[in-house]
């Protein structure tokens, strides 16, 4: 083998090892400090506004039955209601709500002029 081939191979191996080292030693999720921060709650003005109420889950209740019980009108967008519930309770399992546990639920308003979040805590 010629010396140029050996040197080229060593340079390529050094670059591969350096890239692996950089990849393994730096955190994979770096936040860009110049980017604007976003709100933890997703809000779209094209959907209905809602109030946040707390509710203690009773035996036999499920997410949709609770949402229907606390909302006066029928829920038009179940997918959005689930997204809103998850944004209020990020660690909750929507399929297995814990009996006796208090969760935050969205209560939707039909008032088209009300585009703010209201908070009321009812136990």
C-alpha atoms as a PDB file:
ATOM      1  CA  UNK A   1       0.000   0.000   0.000  1.00  0.00           C
ATOM      2  CA  UNK A   2       1.148   3.460  -0.727  1.00  0.00           C
ATOM      3  CA  UNK A   3       1.700   6.069   1.978  1.00  0.00           C
ATOM      4  CA  UNK A   4      -1.016   8.327   0.534  1.00  0.00           C
ATOM      5  CA  UNK A   5      -3.579   5.516   0.829  1.00  0.00           C
ATOM      6  CA  UNK A   6      -2.550   4.836   4.469  1.00  0.00           C
ATOM      7  CA  UNK A   7      -2.735   8.531   5.372  1.00  0.00           C
ATOM      8  CA  UNK A   8      -6.144   8.891   3.677  1.00  0.00           C
ATOM      9  CA  UNK A   9      -7.485   5.863   5.560  1.00  0.00           C
ATOM     10  CA  UNK A  10      -6.201   7.191   8.901  1.00  0.00           C
ATOM     11  CA  UNK A  11      -7.801  10.590   8.263  1.00  0.00           C
ATOM     12  CA  UNK A  12     -11.151   8.989   7.426  1.00  0.00           C
ATOM     13  CA  UNK A  13     -11.000   6.766  10.540  1.00  0.00           C
ATOM     14  CA  UNK A  14     -10.076   9.762  12.702  1.00  0.00           C
ATOM     15  CA  UNK A  15     -13.038  11.728  11.328  1.00  0.00           C
ATOM     16  CA  UNK A  16     -15.410   8.793  11.968  1.00  0.00           C
ATOM     17  CA  UNK A  17     -14.172   8.410  15.554  1.00  0.00           C
ATOM     18  CA  UNK A  18     -14.403  12.165  16.114  1.00  0.00           C
ATOM     19  CA  UNK A  19     -17.977  12.267  14.763  1.00  0.00           C
ATOM     20  CA  UNK A  20     -18.983   9.322  16.991  1.00  0.00           C
ATOM     21  CA  UNK A  21     -17.405  10.971  20.019  1.00  0.00           C
ATOM     22  CA  UNK A  22     -19.222  14.265  19.319  1.00  0.00           C
ATOM     23  CA  UNK A  23     -22.512  12.448  18.801  1.00  0.00           C
ATOM     24  CA  UNK A  24     -22.244  10.475  22.038  1.00  0.00           C
ATOM     25  CA  UNK A  25     -21.056  13.290  24.303  1.00  0.00           C
ATOM     26  CA  UNK A  26     -23.473  16.085  23.317  1.00  0.00           C
ATOM     27  CA  UNK A  27     -27.135  16.114  24.361  1.00  0.00           C
ATOM     28  CA  UNK A  28     -29.470  15.189  21.543  1.00  0.00           C
ATOM     29  CA  UNK A  29     -32.155  17.732  22.465  1.00  0.00           C
ATOM     30  CA  UNK A  30     -30.658  21.192  22.519  1.00  0.00           C
ATOM     31  CA  UNK A  31     -33.081  24.098  22.792  1.00  0.00           C
ATOM     32  CA  UNK A  32     -32.461  27.073  20.581  1.00  0.00           C
ATOM     33  CA  UNK A  33     -32.407  30.012  23.005  1.00  0.00           C
ATOM     34  CA  UNK A  34     -33.303  32.514  20.313  1.00  0.00           C
ATOM     35  CA  UNK A  35     -36.532  30.790  19.300  1.00  0.00           C
ATOM     36  CA  UNK A  36     -39.775  31.982  20.866  1.00  0.00           C
ATOM     37  CA  UNK A  37     -41.234  29.830  23.607  1.00  0.00           C
ATOM     38  CA  UNK A  38     -44.645  28.280  23.102  1.00  0.00           C
ATOM     39  CA  UNK A  39     -47.493  27.919  25.509  1.00  0.00           C
ATOM     40  CA  UNK A  40     -48.029  24.419  26.941  1.00  0.00           C
ATOM     41  CA  UNK A  41     -51.704  24.653  25.983  1.00  0.00           C
ATOM     42  CA  UNK A  42     -52.691  24.541  22.353  1.00  0.00           C
ATOM     43  CA  UNK A  43     -55.337  27.148  21.571  1.00  0.00           C
ATOM     44  CA  UNK A  44     -57.101  27.661  18.283  1.00  0.00           C
ATOM     45  CA  UNK A  45     -59.621  30.490  18.074  1.00  0.00           C
ATOM     46  CA  UNK A  46     -61.596  28.601  15.448  1.00  0.00           C
ATOM     47  CA  UNK A  47     -62.767  26.146  18.092  1.00  0.00           C
ATOM     48  CA  UNK A  48     -64.973  26.794  21.058  1.00  0.00           C
ATOM     49  CA  UNK A  49     -63.449  28.276  24.180  1.00  0.00           C
ATOM     50  CA  UNK A  50     -63.553  26.328  27.403  1.00  0.00           C
ATOM     51  CA  UNK A  51     -63.350  26.683  31.138  1.00  0.00           C
ATOM     52  CA  UNK A  52     -61.166  24.386  33.200  1.00  0.00           C
ATOM     53  CA  UNK A  53     -62.879  22.551  36.027  1.00  0.00           C
ATOM     54  CA  UNK A  54     -61.563  19.922  38.390  1.00  0.00           C
ATOM     55  CA  UNK A  55     -63.510  16.706  38.787  1.00  0.00           C
ATOM     56  CA  UNK A  56     -62.988  13.653  40.978  1.00  0.00           C
ATOM     57  CA  UNK A  57     -63.503  10.433  39.032  1.00  0.00           C
ATOM     58  CA  UNK A  58     -66.068   8.003  40.416  1.00  0.00           C
ATOM     59  CA  UNK A  59     -66.199   4.234  39.842  1.00  0.00           C
ATOM     60  CA  UNK A  60     -67.417   3.314  36.352  1.00  0.00           C
ATOM     61  CA  UNK A  61     -66.814   6.723  34.797  1.00  0.00           C
ATOM     62  CA  UNK A  62     -64.797   7.181  31.641  1.00  0.00           C
ATOM     63  CA  UNK A  63     -63.388  10.252  29.931  1.00  0.00           C
ATOM     64  CA  UNK A  64     -66.208  10.672  27.421  1.00  0.00           C
ATOM     65  CA  UNK A  65     -68.975  10.067  29.952  1.00  0.00           C
ATOM     66  CA  UNK A  66     -67.472  12.734  32.244  1.00  0.00           C
ATOM     67  CA  UNK A  67     -67.077  15.182  29.349  1.00  0.00           C
ATOM     68  CA  UNK A  68     -70.727  14.659  28.396  1.00  0.00           C
ATOM     69  CA  UNK A  69     -71.870  15.087  31.991  1.00  0.00           C
ATOM     70  CA  UNK A  70     -70.023  18.354  32.660  1.00  0.00           C
ATOM     71  CA  UNK A  71     -70.853  19.993  29.323  1.00  0.00           C
ATOM     72  CA  UNK A  72     -74.341  21.361  28.758  1.00  0.00           C
ATOM     73  CA  UNK A  73     -74.281  20.938  24.987  1.00  0.00           C
ATOM     74  CA  UNK A  74     -73.213  17.880  23.044  1.00  0.00           C
ATOM     75  CA  UNK A  75     -69.480  17.868  22.258  1.00  0.00           C
ATOM     76  CA  UNK A  76     -69.021  18.537  18.560  1.00  0.00           C
ATOM     77  CA  UNK A  77     -65.331  17.617  18.249  1.00  0.00           C
ATOM     78  CA  UNK A  78     -64.342  14.668  20.428  1.00  0.00           C
ATOM     79  CA  UNK A  79     -60.779  14.635  19.078  1.00  0.00           C
ATOM     80  CA  UNK A  80     -60.286  18.269  20.165  1.00  0.00           C
ATOM     81  CA  UNK A  81     -61.811  17.489  23.574  1.00  0.00           C
ATOM     82  CA  UNK A  82     -59.273  14.682  24.039  1.00  0.00           C
ATOM     83  CA  UNK A  83     -56.428  16.993  22.975  1.00  0.00           C
ATOM     84  CA  UNK A  84     -57.650  19.628  25.447  1.00  0.00           C
ATOM     85  CA  UNK A  85     -57.877  17.033  28.255  1.00  0.00           C
ATOM     86  CA  UNK A  86     -54.345  15.790  27.502  1.00  0.00           C
ATOM     87  CA  UNK A  87     -52.997  19.355  27.520  1.00  0.00           C
ATOM     88  CA  UNK A  88     -54.520  19.873  30.978  1.00  0.00           C
ATOM     89  CA  UNK A  89     -53.401  16.437  32.291  1.00  0.00           C
ATOM     90  CA  UNK A  90     -50.217  15.484  30.407  1.00  0.00           C
ATOM     91  CA  UNK A  91     -49.475  12.395  32.519  1.00  0.00           C
ATOM     92  CA  UNK A  92     -53.021  10.998  32.563  1.00  0.00           C
ATOM     93  CA  UNK A  93     -53.959   7.836  30.686  1.00  0.00           C
ATOM     94  CA  UNK A  94     -57.223   8.695  28.953  1.00  0.00           C
ATOM     95  CA  UNK A  95     -58.202   5.022  28.772  1.00  0.00           C
ATOM     96  CA  UNK A  96     -57.720   4.302  32.489  1.00  0.00           C
ATOM     97  CA  UNK A  97     -58.670   7.239  34.692  1.00  0.00           C
ATOM     98  CA  UNK A  98     -57.935   6.520  38.351  1.00  0.00           C
ATOM     99  CA  UNK A  99     -61.000   6.298  40.618  1.00  0.00           C
ATOM    100  CA  UNK A 100     -60.864   9.009  43.300  1.00  0.00           C
ATOM    101  CA  UNK A 101     -58.220  10.999  41.426  1.00  0.00           C
ATOM    102  CA  UNK A 102     -58.972  14.645  40.586  1.00  0.00           C
ATOM    103  CA  UNK A 103     -58.388  15.632  36.958  1.00  0.00           C
ATOM    104  CA  UNK A 104     -58.827  18.911  35.088  1.00  0.00           C
ATOM    105  CA  UNK A 105     -61.530  18.801  32.417  1.00  0.00           C
ATOM    106  CA  UNK A 106     -62.495  21.257  29.681  1.00  0.00           C
ATOM    107  CA  UNK A 107     -66.008  22.645  29.932  1.00  0.00           C
ATOM    108  CA  UNK A 108     -66.933  24.216  26.633  1.00  0.00           C
ATOM    109  CA  UNK A 109     -68.804  27.479  26.215  1.00  0.00           C
ATOM    110  CA  UNK A 110     -71.174  28.215  23.350  1.00  0.00           C
ATOM    111  CA  UNK A 111     -70.578  31.955  23.684  1.00  0.00           C
ATOM    112  CA  UNK A 112     -68.817  32.994  20.458  1.00  0.00           C
ATOM    113  CA  UNK A 113     -67.555  36.233  22.032  1.00  0.00           C
ATOM    114  CA  UNK A 114     -65.745  34.457  24.861  1.00  0.00           C
ATOM    115  CA  UNK A 115     -62.234  33.607  23.622  1.00  0.00           C
ATOM    116  CA  UNK A 116     -60.456  33.349  26.959  1.00  0.00           C
ATOM    117  CA  UNK A 117     -59.709  30.487  29.278  1.00  0.00           C
ATOM    118  CA  UNK A 118     -61.681  30.563  32.467  1.00  0.00           C
ATOM    119  CA  UNK A 119     -60.659  28.635  35.529  1.00  0.00           C
ATOM    120  CA  UNK A 120     -63.072  27.327  38.104  1.00  0.00           C
ATOM    121  CA  UNK A 121     -62.238  24.582  40.529  1.00  0.00           C
ATOM    122  CA  UNK A 122     -65.220  22.536  41.641  1.00  0.00           C
ATOM    123  CA  UNK A 123     -64.749  19.413  43.728  1.00  0.00           C
END
